[in-house]
Amino acid sequence: MLTCRLSGFEVHVKADASTESYDDSTRCGDQYSVAQGKSLQVQCGKTGRYVHVRLAEKLRGKNLRKQILTLCEVKVECTSWETHALLQL
């Protein structure tokens, strides 16, 4: 069943492509979940070049290899290089 494959994820906007450090200053909102067949728009006032979609920290722990995050389509829109981004999942 795919309903859990888009559950408990975070969206981060960063100036670099590094996947080494994530914190509240780069996170857009809280954790998100999307039901099967549905979509979600995440509005974010962060500035950056890269959008990272990843499992929330508490879900990553020991069972990281068992957790799967399935994305079918990701659309990123922004009003300019320096302003808000809109992410549609």
C-alpha atoms as a PDB file:
ATOM      1  CA  MET A   1       0.000   0.000   0.000  1.00  0.00           C
ATOM      2  CA  LEU A   2       1.490   3.352  -1.026  1.00  0.00           C
ATOM      3  CA  THR A   3      -0.315   5.599   1.440  1.00  0.00           C
ATOM      4  CA  CYS A   4       2.617   5.618   3.865  1.00  0.00           C
ATOM      5  CA  ARG A   5       5.264   6.403   1.249  1.00  0.00           C
ATOM      6  CA  LEU A   6       4.674  10.140   1.375  1.00  0.00           C
ATOM      7  CA  SER A   7       4.407  10.485   5.109  1.00  0.00           C
ATOM      8  CA  GLY A   8       6.541  12.288   7.659  1.00  0.00           C
ATOM      9  CA  PHE A   9       8.722  14.306   5.308  1.00  0.00           C
ATOM     10  CA  GLU A  10      10.291  17.747   5.505  1.00  0.00           C
ATOM     11  CA  VAL A  11      11.059  20.345   2.866  1.00  0.00           C
ATOM     12  CA  HIS A  12      14.249  22.392   3.140  1.00  0.00           C
ATOM     13  CA  VAL A  13      15.516  25.259   0.987  1.00  0.00           C
ATOM     14  CA  LYS A  14      19.275  25.727   1.027  1.00  0.00           C
ATOM     15  CA  ALA A  15      21.907  27.823  -0.687  1.00  0.00           C
ATOM     16  CA  ASP A  16      24.039  24.729  -1.379  1.00  0.00           C
ATOM     17  CA  ALA A  17      23.484  21.138  -2.451  1.00  0.00           C
ATOM     18  CA  SER A  18      25.056  19.694   0.710  1.00  0.00           C
ATOM     19  CA  THR A  19      23.001  17.035   2.461  1.00  0.00           C
ATOM     20  CA  GLU A  20      25.145  17.164   5.602  1.00  0.00           C
ATOM     21  CA  SER A  21      23.386  19.811   7.675  1.00  0.00           C
ATOM     22  CA  TYR A  22      19.705  20.546   8.080  1.00  0.00           C
ATOM     23  CA  ASP A  23      18.163  22.730  10.753  1.00  0.00           C
ATOM     24  CA  ASP A  24      15.131  24.883  11.479  1.00  0.00           C
ATOM     25  CA  SER A  25      16.611  27.800   9.524  1.00  0.00           C
ATOM     26  CA  THR A  26      16.329  25.862   6.259  1.00  0.00           C
ATOM     27  CA  ARG A  27      13.064  23.963   6.946  1.00  0.00           C
ATOM     28  CA  CYS A  28       9.787  25.078   5.380  1.00  0.00           C
ATOM     29  CA  GLY A  29       7.100  24.538   7.994  1.00  0.00           C
ATOM     30  CA  ASP A  30       6.873  21.284   9.918  1.00  0.00           C
ATOM     31  CA  GLN A  31       6.466  17.670   8.827  1.00  0.00           C
ATOM     32  CA  TYR A  32       4.092  16.912   5.991  1.00  0.00           C
ATOM     33  CA  SER A  33       2.101  13.906   4.845  1.00  0.00           C
ATOM     34  CA  VAL A  34       0.036  13.443   1.695  1.00  0.00           C
ATOM     35  CA  ALA A  35      -2.680  10.837   1.145  1.00  0.00           C
ATOM     36  CA  GLN A  36      -2.459   8.585  -1.890  1.00  0.00           C
ATOM     37  CA  GLY A  37      -3.719  10.310  -5.030  1.00  0.00           C
ATOM     38  CA  LYS A  38      -3.626  13.760  -3.416  1.00  0.00           C
ATOM     39  CA  SER A  39      -1.240  16.685  -3.787  1.00  0.00           C
ATOM     40  CA  LEU A  40       0.168  19.280  -1.442  1.00  0.00           C
ATOM     41  CA  GLN A  41       1.416  22.828  -1.878  1.00  0.00           C
ATOM     42  CA  VAL A  42       4.106  23.995   0.524  1.00  0.00           C
ATOM     43  CA  GLN A  43       4.651  27.736   0.643  1.00  0.00           C
ATOM     44  CA  CYS A  44       8.050  28.731   1.905  1.00  0.00           C
ATOM     45  CA  GLY A  45       9.587  32.125   2.532  1.00  0.00           C
ATOM     46  CA  LYS A  46      13.154  30.793   2.488  1.00  0.00           C
ATOM     47  CA  THR A  47      15.833  31.931   0.059  1.00  0.00           C
ATOM     48  CA  GLY A  48      18.071  29.388  -1.611  1.00  0.00           C
ATOM     49  CA  ARG A  49      19.011  27.549  -4.756  1.00  0.00           C
ATOM     50  CA  TYR A  50      18.277  23.936  -3.803  1.00  0.00           C
ATOM     51  CA  VAL A  51      15.055  22.295  -2.579  1.00  0.00           C
ATOM     52  CA  HIS A  52      15.523  19.156  -0.487  1.00  0.00           C
ATOM     53  CA  VAL A  53      12.627  16.793   0.293  1.00  0.00           C
ATOM     54  CA  ARG A  54      13.617  14.253   2.944  1.00  0.00           C
ATOM     55  CA  LEU A  55      12.243  12.013   5.646  1.00  0.00           C
ATOM     56  CA  ALA A  56      11.828  13.777   8.967  1.00  0.00           C
ATOM     57  CA  GLU A  57      14.702  13.297  11.399  1.00  0.00           C
ATOM     58  CA  LYS A  58      12.737  11.156  13.852  1.00  0.00           C
ATOM     59  CA  LEU A  59      11.824   8.714  11.062  1.00  0.00           C
ATOM     60  CA  ARG A  60      15.403   8.331   9.870  1.00  0.00           C
ATOM     61  CA  GLY A  61      17.049   6.721  12.941  1.00  0.00           C
ATOM     62  CA  LYS A  62      17.952   3.019  12.952  1.00  0.00           C
ATOM     63  CA  ASN A  63      15.408   1.968  10.335  1.00  0.00           C
ATOM     64  CA  LEU A  64      16.535   4.410   7.649  1.00  0.00           C
ATOM     65  CA  ARG A  65      16.966   1.656   5.061  1.00  0.00           C
ATOM     66  CA  LYS A  66      13.404   0.469   5.649  1.00  0.00           C
ATOM     67  CA  GLN A  67      11.878   3.918   5.134  1.00  0.00           C
ATOM     68  CA  ILE A  68      10.880   4.805   1.578  1.00  0.00           C
ATOM     69  CA  LEU A  69       9.844   8.225   0.359  1.00  0.00           C
ATOM     70  CA  THR A  70       8.073   8.014  -3.006  1.00  0.00           C
ATOM     71  CA  LEU A  71       7.725  11.185  -5.070  1.00  0.00           C
ATOM     72  CA  CYS A  72       5.936  11.081  -8.404  1.00  0.00           C
ATOM     73  CA  GLU A  73       6.185  14.728  -9.369  1.00  0.00           C
ATOM     74  CA  VAL A  74       7.741  17.774  -7.774  1.00  0.00           C
ATOM     75  CA  LYS A  75       7.172  21.254  -9.146  1.00  0.00           C
ATOM     76  CA  VAL A  76       9.066  24.241  -7.763  1.00  0.00           C
ATOM     77  CA  GLU A  77       7.912  27.770  -8.543  1.00  0.00           C
ATOM     78  CA  CYS A  78       9.316  31.068  -7.379  1.00  0.00           C
ATOM     79  CA  THR A  79       8.419  34.679  -7.982  1.00  0.00           C
ATOM     80  CA  SER A  80      12.096  35.646  -8.348  1.00  0.00           C
ATOM     81  CA  TRP A  81      15.526  34.305  -7.440  1.00  0.00           C
ATOM     82  CA  GLU A  82      15.411  36.045  -4.091  1.00  0.00           C
ATOM     83  CA  THR A  83      11.841  35.502  -2.876  1.00  0.00           C
ATOM     84  CA  HIS A  84       9.329  32.868  -1.897  1.00  0.00           C
ATOM     85  CA  ALA A  85       9.184  29.398  -3.355  1.00  0.00           C
ATOM     86  CA  LEU A  86       6.087  27.276  -3.852  1.00  0.00           C
ATOM     87  CA  LEU A  87       6.599  23.529  -3.909  1.00  0.00           C
ATOM     88  CA  GLN A  88       3.853  21.296  -5.249  1.00  0.00           C
ATOM     89  CA  LEU A  89       4.073  17.576  -4.508  1.00  0.00           C
END
